[in-house]
Amino acid sequence: QMQPAGLVRISMPTPYGHYRVLPLLAKFRQLYP
């Protein structure tokens, strides 16, 4: 596993998810598909 793979399960508050975390996840998926 030189490259990260698999499932990450995360729980977060609704507003923090919508305004802070979700907008970042497209970038994360580009880095770690």
PDB file of all heavy atoms in Angstrom:
ATOM      1  N   GLN A   1       0.822  -1.196   0.000  1.00  0.00           N
ATOM      2  CA  GLN A   1       0.000   0.000   0.000  1.00  0.00           C
ATOM      3  C   GLN A   1       0.865   1.258   0.000  1.00  0.00           C
ATOM      4  O   GLN A   1       0.937   2.007   0.950  1.00  0.00           O
ATOM      5  CB  GLN A   1      -0.949   0.030   1.207  1.00  0.00           C
ATOM      6  CG  GLN A   1      -1.969   1.143   1.062  1.00  0.00           C
ATOM      7  CD  GLN A   1      -3.179   0.905   1.908  1.00  0.00           C
ATOM      8  OE1 GLN A   1      -3.419  -0.166   2.397  1.00  0.00           O
ATOM      9  NE2 GLN A   1      -3.960   1.948   2.092  1.00  0.00           N
ATOM     10  N   MET A   2       1.517   1.474  -1.101  1.00  0.00           N
ATOM     11  CA  MET A   2       2.263   2.704  -1.256  1.00  0.00           C
ATOM     12  C   MET A   2       1.304   3.860  -1.525  1.00  0.00           C
ATOM     13  O   MET A   2       1.606   5.011  -1.248  1.00  0.00           O
ATOM     14  CB  MET A   2       3.256   2.561  -2.420  1.00  0.00           C
ATOM     15  CG  MET A   2       4.286   1.455  -2.215  1.00  0.00           C
ATOM     16  SD  MET A   2       5.266   1.713  -0.731  1.00  0.00           S
ATOM     17  CE  MET A   2       6.177   3.176  -1.225  1.00  0.00           C
ATOM     18  N   GLN A   3       0.120   3.539  -2.063  1.00  0.00           N
ATOM     19  CA  GLN A   3      -0.892   4.545  -2.342  1.00  0.00           C
ATOM     20  C   GLN A   3      -2.095   4.274  -1.453  1.00  0.00           C
ATOM     21  O   GLN A   3      -2.580   3.143  -1.397  1.00  0.00           O
ATOM     22  CB  GLN A   3      -1.300   4.508  -3.812  1.00  0.00           C
ATOM     23  CG  GLN A   3      -2.234   5.642  -4.208  1.00  0.00           C
ATOM     24  CD  GLN A   3      -2.490   5.658  -5.704  1.00  0.00           C
ATOM     25  OE1 GLN A   3      -2.018   4.790  -6.421  1.00  0.00           O
ATOM     26  NE2 GLN A   3      -3.240   6.634  -6.163  1.00  0.00           N
ATOM     27  N   PRO A   4      -2.598   5.280  -0.739  1.00  0.00           N
ATOM     28  CA  PRO A   4      -3.740   5.065   0.154  1.00  0.00           C
ATOM     29  C   PRO A   4      -4.951   4.548  -0.615  1.00  0.00           C
ATOM     30  O   PRO A   4      -5.243   5.004  -1.721  1.00  0.00           O
ATOM     31  CB  PRO A   4      -4.011   6.460   0.726  1.00  0.00           C
ATOM     32  CG  PRO A   4      -2.738   7.205   0.542  1.00  0.00           C
ATOM     33  CD  PRO A   4      -2.116   6.667  -0.704  1.00  0.00           C
ATOM     34  N   ALA A   5      -5.655   3.593  -0.020  1.00  0.00           N
ATOM     35  CA  ALA A   5      -6.830   3.016  -0.662  1.00  0.00           C
ATOM     36  C   ALA A   5      -7.773   2.499   0.419  1.00  0.00           C
ATOM     37  O   ALA A   5      -7.367   2.195   1.536  1.00  0.00           O
ATOM     38  CB  ALA A   5      -6.430   1.886  -1.609  1.00  0.00           C
ATOM     39  N   GLY A   6      -9.065   2.409   0.057  1.00  0.00           N
ATOM     40  CA  GLY A   6     -10.056   1.871   0.973  1.00  0.00           C
ATOM     41  C   GLY A   6     -11.056   2.928   1.405  1.00  0.00           C
ATOM     42  O   GLY A   6     -11.083   4.052   0.904  1.00  0.00           O
ATOM     43  N   LEU A   7     -11.899   2.541   2.360  1.00  0.00           N
ATOM     44  CA  LEU A   7     -13.031   3.363   2.798  1.00  0.00           C
ATOM     45  C   LEU A   7     -12.722   4.104   4.095  1.00  0.00           C
ATOM     46  O   LEU A   7     -12.177   3.515   5.034  1.00  0.00           O
ATOM     47  CB  LEU A   7     -14.261   2.479   3.000  1.00  0.00           C
ATOM     48  CG  LEU A   7     -15.548   3.177   3.462  1.00  0.00           C
ATOM     49  CD1 LEU A   7     -16.070   4.120   2.391  1.00  0.00           C
ATOM     50  CD2 LEU A   7     -16.600   2.151   3.848  1.00  0.00           C
ATOM     51  N   VAL A   8     -13.075   5.384   4.145  1.00  0.00           N
ATOM     52  CA  VAL A   8     -13.016   6.185   5.384  1.00  0.00           C
ATOM     53  C   VAL A   8     -14.428   6.646   5.706  1.00  0.00           C
ATOM     54  O   VAL A   8     -15.083   7.286   4.879  1.00  0.00           O
ATOM     55  CB  VAL A   8     -12.092   7.414   5.222  1.00  0.00           C
ATOM     56  CG1 VAL A   8     -12.114   8.250   6.506  1.00  0.00           C
ATOM     57  CG2 VAL A   8     -10.677   6.984   4.897  1.00  0.00           C
ATOM     58  N   ARG A   9     -14.902   6.324   6.906  1.00  0.00           N
ATOM     59  CA  ARG A   9     -16.238   6.747   7.353  1.00  0.00           C
ATOM     60  C   ARG A   9     -16.080   7.893   8.346  1.00  0.00           C
ATOM     61  O   ARG A   9     -15.328   7.781   9.329  1.00  0.00           O
ATOM     62  CB  ARG A   9     -17.017   5.605   8.006  1.00  0.00           C
ATOM     63  CG  ARG A   9     -17.297   4.433   7.096  1.00  0.00           C
ATOM     64  CD  ARG A   9     -18.335   3.502   7.718  1.00  0.00           C
ATOM     65  NE  ARG A   9     -19.648   4.137   7.757  1.00  0.00           N
ATOM     66  CZ  ARG A   9     -20.462   4.123   8.815  1.00  0.00           C
ATOM     67  NH1 ARG A   9     -20.080   3.554   9.944  1.00  0.00           N
ATOM     68  NH2 ARG A   9     -21.645   4.710   8.757  1.00  0.00           N
ATOM     69  N   ILE A  10     -16.789   8.998   8.097  1.00  0.00           N
ATOM     70  CA  ILE A  10     -16.644  10.179   8.936  1.00  0.00           C
ATOM     71  C   ILE A  10     -18.010  10.809   9.187  1.00  0.00           C
ATOM     72  O   ILE A  10     -18.841  10.906   8.281  1.00  0.00           O
ATOM     73  CB  ILE A  10     -15.679  11.203   8.295  1.00  0.00           C
ATOM     74  CG1 ILE A  10     -15.571  12.461   9.143  1.00  0.00           C
ATOM     75  CG2 ILE A  10     -16.080  11.538   6.861  1.00  0.00           C
ATOM     76  CD1 ILE A  10     -14.465  13.397   8.715  1.00  0.00           C
ATOM     77  N   SER A  11     -18.235  11.232  10.424  1.00  0.00           N
ATOM     78  CA  SER A  11     -19.457  11.937  10.809  1.00  0.00           C
ATOM     79  C   SER A  11     -19.098  13.378  11.149  1.00  0.00           C
ATOM     80  O   SER A  11     -18.061  13.633  11.768  1.00  0.00           O
ATOM     81  CB  SER A  11     -20.105  11.260  12.023  1.00  0.00           C
ATOM     82  OG  SER A  11     -21.211  12.013  12.495  1.00  0.00           O
ATOM     83  N   MET A  12     -19.963  14.318  10.726  1.00  0.00           N
ATOM     84  CA  MET A  12     -19.677  15.735  10.966  1.00  0.00           C
ATOM     85  C   MET A  12     -20.970  16.512  11.123  1.00  0.00           C
ATOM     86  O   MET A  12     -22.022  16.089  10.612  1.00  0.00           O
ATOM     87  CB  MET A  12     -18.852  16.309   9.816  1.00  0.00           C
ATOM     88  CG  MET A  12     -19.572  16.372   8.492  1.00  0.00           C
ATOM     89  SD  MET A  12     -18.470  16.707   7.083  1.00  0.00           S
ATOM     90  CE  MET A  12     -17.750  15.074   6.828  1.00  0.00           C
ATOM     91  N   PRO A  13     -20.948  17.660  11.805  1.00  0.00           N
ATOM     92  CA  PRO A  13     -22.145  18.487  11.905  1.00  0.00           C
ATOM     93  C   PRO A  13     -22.597  18.969  10.529  1.00  0.00           C
ATOM     94  O   PRO A  13     -21.771  19.246   9.650  1.00  0.00           O
ATOM     95  CB  PRO A  13     -21.694  19.665  12.784  1.00  0.00           C
ATOM     96  CG  PRO A  13     -20.483  19.178  13.501  1.00  0.00           C
ATOM     97  CD  PRO A  13     -19.818  18.209  12.567  1.00  0.00           C
ATOM     98  N   THR A  14     -23.900  19.080  10.341  1.00  0.00           N
ATOM     99  CA  THR A  14     -24.450  19.443   9.041  1.00  0.00           C
ATOM    100  C   THR A  14     -23.873  20.746   8.482  1.00  0.00           C
ATOM    101  O   THR A  14     -23.373  20.772   7.354  1.00  0.00           O
ATOM    102  CB  THR A  14     -25.982  19.538   9.116  1.00  0.00           C
ATOM    103  OG1 THR A  14     -26.495  18.278   9.574  1.00  0.00           O
ATOM    104  CG2 THR A  14     -26.581  19.849   7.762  1.00  0.00           C
ATOM    105  N   PRO A  15     -23.920  21.859   9.220  1.00  0.00           N
ATOM    106  CA  PRO A  15     -23.416  23.103   8.624  1.00  0.00           C
ATOM    107  C   PRO A  15     -21.921  23.075   8.374  1.00  0.00           C
ATOM    108  O   PRO A  15     -21.456  23.589   7.341  1.00  0.00           O
ATOM    109  CB  PRO A  15     -23.792  24.176   9.658  1.00  0.00           C
ATOM    110  CG  PRO A  15     -23.982  23.439  10.925  1.00  0.00           C
ATOM    111  CD  PRO A  15     -24.495  22.093  10.554  1.00  0.00           C
ATOM    112  N   TYR A  16     -21.156  22.489   9.284  1.00  0.00           N
ATOM    113  CA  TYR A  16     -19.713  22.447   9.080  1.00  0.00           C
ATOM    114  C   TYR A  16     -19.385  21.607   7.852  1.00  0.00           C
ATOM    115  O   TYR A  16     -18.470  21.933   7.089  1.00  0.00           O
ATOM    116  CB  TYR A  16     -19.004  21.888  10.307  1.00  0.00           C
ATOM    117  CG  TYR A  16     -17.521  22.191  10.318  1.00  0.00           C
ATOM    118  CD1 TYR A  16     -17.059  23.445  10.693  1.00  0.00           C
ATOM    119  CD2 TYR A  16     -16.588  21.235   9.933  1.00  0.00           C
ATOM    120  CE1 TYR A  16     -15.703  23.737  10.675  1.00  0.00           C
ATOM    121  CE2 TYR A  16     -15.232  21.516   9.923  1.00  0.00           C
ATOM    122  CZ  TYR A  16     -14.795  22.777  10.294  1.00  0.00           C
ATOM    123  OH  TYR A  16     -13.451  23.059  10.264  1.00  0.00           O
ATOM    124  N   GLY A  17     -20.131  20.518   7.670  1.00  0.00           N
ATOM    125  CA  GLY A  17     -19.923  19.705   6.486  1.00  0.00           C
ATOM    126  C   GLY A  17     -20.206  20.475   5.214  1.00  0.00           C
ATOM    127  O   GLY A  17     -19.397  20.502   4.289  1.00  0.00           O
ATOM    128  N   HIS A  18     -21.376  21.149   5.149  1.00  0.00           N
ATOM    129  CA  HIS A  18     -21.770  21.862   3.934  1.00  0.00           C
ATOM    130  C   HIS A  18     -20.817  23.019   3.607  1.00  0.00           C
ATOM    131  O   HIS A  18     -20.460  23.219   2.446  1.00  0.00           O
ATOM    132  CB  HIS A  18     -23.196  22.410   4.084  1.00  0.00           C
ATOM    133  CG  HIS A  18     -24.251  21.387   3.822  1.00  0.00           C
ATOM    134  ND1 HIS A  18     -24.553  20.937   2.568  1.00  0.00           N
ATOM    135  CD2 HIS A  18     -25.070  20.710   4.668  1.00  0.00           C
ATOM    136  CE1 HIS A  18     -25.517  20.035   2.633  1.00  0.00           C
ATOM    137  NE2 HIS A  18     -25.851  19.871   3.888  1.00  0.00           N
ATOM    138  N   TYR A  19     -20.452  23.785   4.629  1.00  0.00           N
ATOM    139  CA  TYR A  19     -19.702  25.012   4.371  1.00  0.00           C
ATOM    140  C   TYR A  19     -18.185  24.825   4.359  1.00  0.00           C
ATOM    141  O   TYR A  19     -17.476  25.574   3.694  1.00  0.00           O
ATOM    142  CB  TYR A  19     -20.049  26.074   5.417  1.00  0.00           C
ATOM    143  CG  TYR A  19     -21.411  26.697   5.228  1.00  0.00           C
ATOM    144  CD1 TYR A  19     -22.504  26.237   5.941  1.00  0.00           C
ATOM    145  CD2 TYR A  19     -21.614  27.743   4.337  1.00  0.00           C
ATOM    146  CE1 TYR A  19     -23.770  26.809   5.781  1.00  0.00           C
ATOM    147  CE2 TYR A  19     -22.865  28.323   4.164  1.00  0.00           C
ATOM    148  CZ  TYR A  19     -23.944  27.848   4.896  1.00  0.00           C
ATOM    149  OH  TYR A  19     -25.173  28.403   4.723  1.00  0.00           O
ATOM    150  N   ARG A  20     -17.672  23.823   5.087  1.00  0.00           N
ATOM    151  CA  ARG A  20     -16.220  23.735   5.250  1.00  0.00           C
ATOM    152  C   ARG A  20     -15.608  22.472   4.652  1.00  0.00           C
ATOM    153  O   ARG A  20     -14.546  22.539   4.024  1.00  0.00           O
ATOM    154  CB  ARG A  20     -15.849  23.805   6.746  1.00  0.00           C
ATOM    155  CG  ARG A  20     -16.381  25.037   7.448  1.00  0.00           C
ATOM    156  CD  ARG A  20     -15.912  26.298   6.780  1.00  0.00           C
ATOM    157  NE  ARG A  20     -14.734  26.827   7.428  1.00  0.00           N
ATOM    158  CZ  ARG A  20     -14.062  27.870   6.965  1.00  0.00           C
ATOM    159  NH1 ARG A  20     -14.440  28.449   5.852  1.00  0.00           N
ATOM    160  NH2 ARG A  20     -13.000  28.321   7.597  1.00  0.00           N
ATOM    161  N   VAL A  21     -16.228  21.316   4.873  1.00  0.00           N
ATOM    162  CA  VAL A  21     -15.576  20.065   4.484  1.00  0.00           C
ATOM    163  C   VAL A  21     -15.930  19.642   3.060  1.00  0.00           C
ATOM    164  O   VAL A  21     -15.046  19.349   2.250  1.00  0.00           O
ATOM    165  CB  VAL A  21     -15.931  18.937   5.478  1.00  0.00           C
ATOM    166  CG1 VAL A  21     -15.297  17.618   5.032  1.00  0.00           C
ATOM    167  CG2 VAL A  21     -15.446  19.298   6.881  1.00  0.00           C
ATOM    168  N   LEU A  22     -17.223  19.603   2.727  1.00  0.00           N
ATOM    169  CA  LEU A  22     -17.624  19.106   1.410  1.00  0.00           C
ATOM    170  C   LEU A  22     -16.973  19.866   0.251  1.00  0.00           C
ATOM    171  O   LEU A  22     -16.593  19.238  -0.751  1.00  0.00           O
ATOM    172  CB  LEU A  22     -19.147  19.138   1.269  1.00  0.00           C
ATOM    173  CG  LEU A  22     -19.948  18.279   2.272  1.00  0.00           C
ATOM    174  CD1 LEU A  22     -21.407  18.220   1.869  1.00  0.00           C
ATOM    175  CD2 LEU A  22     -19.372  16.878   2.400  1.00  0.00           C
ATOM    176  N   PRO A  23     -16.808  21.187   0.339  1.00  0.00           N
ATOM    177  CA  PRO A  23     -16.149  21.880  -0.780  1.00  0.00           C
ATOM    178  C   PRO A  23     -14.702  21.450  -1.024  1.00  0.00           C
ATOM    179  O   PRO A  23     -14.149  21.721  -2.095  1.00  0.00           O
ATOM    180  CB  PRO A  23     -16.206  23.363  -0.354  1.00  0.00           C
ATOM    181  CG  PRO A  23     -17.376  23.446   0.565  1.00  0.00           C
ATOM    182  CD  PRO A  23     -17.353  22.148   1.319  1.00  0.00           C
ATOM    183  N   LEU A  24     -14.080  20.778  -0.053  1.00  0.00           N
ATOM    184  CA  LEU A  24     -12.685  20.368  -0.185  1.00  0.00           C
ATOM    185  C   LEU A  24     -12.512  18.976  -0.785  1.00  0.00           C
ATOM    186  O   LEU A  24     -11.402  18.597  -1.180  1.00  0.00           O
ATOM    187  CB  LEU A  24     -12.004  20.382   1.190  1.00  0.00           C
ATOM    188  CG  LEU A  24     -12.000  21.698   1.959  1.00  0.00           C
ATOM    189  CD1 LEU A  24     -11.430  21.471   3.356  1.00  0.00           C
ATOM    190  CD2 LEU A  24     -11.195  22.747   1.211  1.00  0.00           C
ATOM    191  N   LEU A  25     -13.599  18.202  -0.843  1.00  0.00           N
ATOM    192  CA  LEU A  25     -13.437  16.772  -1.096  1.00  0.00           C
ATOM    193  C   LEU A  25     -13.158  16.420  -2.554  1.00  0.00           C
ATOM    194  O   LEU A  25     -12.591  15.367  -2.833  1.00  0.00           O
ATOM    195  CB  LEU A  25     -14.666  16.019  -0.579  1.00  0.00           C
ATOM    196  CG  LEU A  25     -14.862  16.157   0.939  1.00  0.00           C
ATOM    197  CD1 LEU A  25     -15.971  15.242   1.420  1.00  0.00           C
ATOM    198  CD2 LEU A  25     -13.568  15.881   1.710  1.00  0.00           C
ATOM    199  N   ALA A  26     -13.542  17.274  -3.482  1.00  0.00           N
ATOM    200  CA  ALA A  26     -13.149  17.020  -4.874  1.00  0.00           C
ATOM    201  C   ALA A  26     -11.631  17.056  -5.007  1.00  0.00           C
ATOM    202  O   ALA A  26     -11.026  16.224  -5.701  1.00  0.00           O
ATOM    203  CB  ALA A  26     -13.800  18.053  -5.795  1.00  0.00           C
ATOM    204  N   LYS A  27     -11.004  18.007  -4.323  1.00  0.00           N
ATOM    205  CA  LYS A  27      -9.542  18.105  -4.341  1.00  0.00           C
ATOM    206  C   LYS A  27      -8.912  16.874  -3.697  1.00  0.00           C
ATOM    207  O   LYS A  27      -7.922  16.327  -4.206  1.00  0.00           O
ATOM    208  CB  LYS A  27      -9.089  19.374  -3.615  1.00  0.00           C
ATOM    209  CG  LYS A  27      -7.583  19.544  -3.555  1.00  0.00           C
ATOM    210  CD  LYS A  27      -7.201  20.838  -2.848  1.00  0.00           C
ATOM    211  CE  LYS A  27      -5.699  21.015  -2.762  1.00  0.00           C
ATOM    212  NZ  LYS A  27      -5.320  22.278  -2.063  1.00  0.00           N
ATOM    213  N   PHE A  28      -9.497  16.420  -2.567  1.00  0.00           N
ATOM    214  CA  PHE A  28      -8.959  15.228  -1.904  1.00  0.00           C
ATOM    215  C   PHE A  28      -9.029  14.021  -2.824  1.00  0.00           C
ATOM    216  O   PHE A  28      -8.071  13.244  -2.922  1.00  0.00           O
ATOM    217  CB  PHE A  28      -9.721  14.949  -0.612  1.00  0.00           C
ATOM    218  CG  PHE A  28      -9.277  13.694   0.089  1.00  0.00           C
ATOM    219  CD1 PHE A  28      -8.154  13.707   0.891  1.00  0.00           C
ATOM    220  CD2 PHE A  28      -9.973  12.505  -0.078  1.00  0.00           C
ATOM    221  CE1 PHE A  28      -7.714  12.541   1.520  1.00  0.00           C
ATOM    222  CE2 PHE A  28      -9.551  11.343   0.543  1.00  0.00           C
ATOM    223  CZ  PHE A  28      -8.421  11.357   1.348  1.00  0.00           C
ATOM    224  N   ARG A  29     -10.150  13.855  -3.515  1.00  0.00           N
ATOM    225  CA  ARG A  29     -10.304  12.698  -4.395  1.00  0.00           C
ATOM    226  C   ARG A  29      -9.350  12.755  -5.587  1.00  0.00           C
ATOM    227  O   ARG A  29      -8.927  11.725  -6.103  1.00  0.00           O
ATOM    228  CB  ARG A  29     -11.748  12.614  -4.875  1.00  0.00           C
ATOM    229  CG  ARG A  29     -12.734  12.198  -3.784  1.00  0.00           C
ATOM    230  CD  ARG A  29     -12.777  10.706  -3.615  1.00  0.00           C
ATOM    231  NE  ARG A  29     -13.354  10.086  -4.806  1.00  0.00           N
ATOM    232  CZ  ARG A  29     -13.134   8.835  -5.193  1.00  0.00           C
ATOM    233  NH1 ARG A  29     -12.328   8.063  -4.498  1.00  0.00           N
ATOM    234  NH2 ARG A  29     -13.715   8.344  -6.278  1.00  0.00           N
ATOM    235  N   GLN A  30      -9.007  13.955  -6.019  1.00  0.00           N
ATOM    236  CA  GLN A  30      -8.009  14.073  -7.085  1.00  0.00           C
ATOM    237  C   GLN A  30      -6.639  13.609  -6.593  1.00  0.00           C
ATOM    238  O   GLN A  30      -5.883  12.975  -7.327  1.00  0.00           O
ATOM    239  CB  GLN A  30      -7.928  15.510  -7.570  1.00  0.00           C
ATOM    240  CG  GLN A  30      -9.147  15.957  -8.383  1.00  0.00           C
ATOM    241  CD  GLN A  30      -9.065  17.420  -8.788  1.00  0.00           C
ATOM    242  OE1 GLN A  30      -8.235  18.166  -8.276  1.00  0.00           O
ATOM    243  NE2 GLN A  30      -9.924  17.825  -9.697  1.00  0.00           N
ATOM    244  N   LEU A  31      -6.343  13.931  -5.338  1.00  0.00           N
ATOM    245  CA  LEU A  31      -5.056  13.537  -4.764  1.00  0.00           C
ATOM    246  C   LEU A  31      -5.008  12.051  -4.434  1.00  0.00           C
ATOM    247  O   LEU A  31      -3.975  11.392  -4.588  1.00  0.00           O
ATOM    248  CB  LEU A  31      -4.778  14.350  -3.496  1.00  0.00           C
ATOM    249  CG  LEU A  31      -4.545  15.846  -3.667  1.00  0.00           C
ATOM    250  CD1 LEU A  31      -4.501  16.537  -2.306  1.00  0.00           C
ATOM    251  CD2 LEU A  31      -3.248  16.094  -4.432  1.00  0.00           C
ATOM    252  N   TYR A  32      -6.143  11.505  -3.959  1.00  0.00           N
ATOM    253  CA  TYR A  32      -6.194  10.109  -3.499  1.00  0.00           C
ATOM    254  C   TYR A  32      -7.413   9.409  -4.112  1.00  0.00           C
ATOM    255  O   TYR A  32      -8.404   9.150  -3.425  1.00  0.00           O
ATOM    256  CB  TYR A  32      -6.256  10.060  -1.972  1.00  0.00           C
ATOM    257  CG  TYR A  32      -5.134  10.803  -1.293  1.00  0.00           C
ATOM    258  CD1 TYR A  32      -5.352  12.042  -0.695  1.00  0.00           C
ATOM    259  CD2 TYR A  32      -3.848  10.269  -1.260  1.00  0.00           C
ATOM    260  CE1 TYR A  32      -4.315  12.730  -0.072  1.00  0.00           C
ATOM    261  CE2 TYR A  32      -2.807  10.946  -0.643  1.00  0.00           C
ATOM    262  CZ  TYR A  32      -3.049  12.175  -0.048  1.00  0.00           C
ATOM    263  OH  TYR A  32      -2.029  12.847   0.563  1.00  0.00           O
ATOM    264  N   PRO A  33      -7.357   9.089  -5.383  1.00  0.00           N
ATOM    265  CA  PRO A  33      -8.539   8.537  -6.072  1.00  0.00           C
ATOM    266  C   PRO A  33      -8.967   7.161  -5.583  1.00  0.00           C
ATOM    267  O   PRO A  33     -10.103   6.754  -5.835  1.00  0.00           O
ATOM    268  CB  PRO A  33      -8.090   8.494  -7.541  1.00  0.00           C
ATOM    269  CG  PRO A  33      -6.594   8.454  -7.486  1.00  0.00           C
ATOM    270  CD  PRO A  33      -6.213   9.263  -6.292  1.00  0.00           C
TER     271      PRO A  33
END
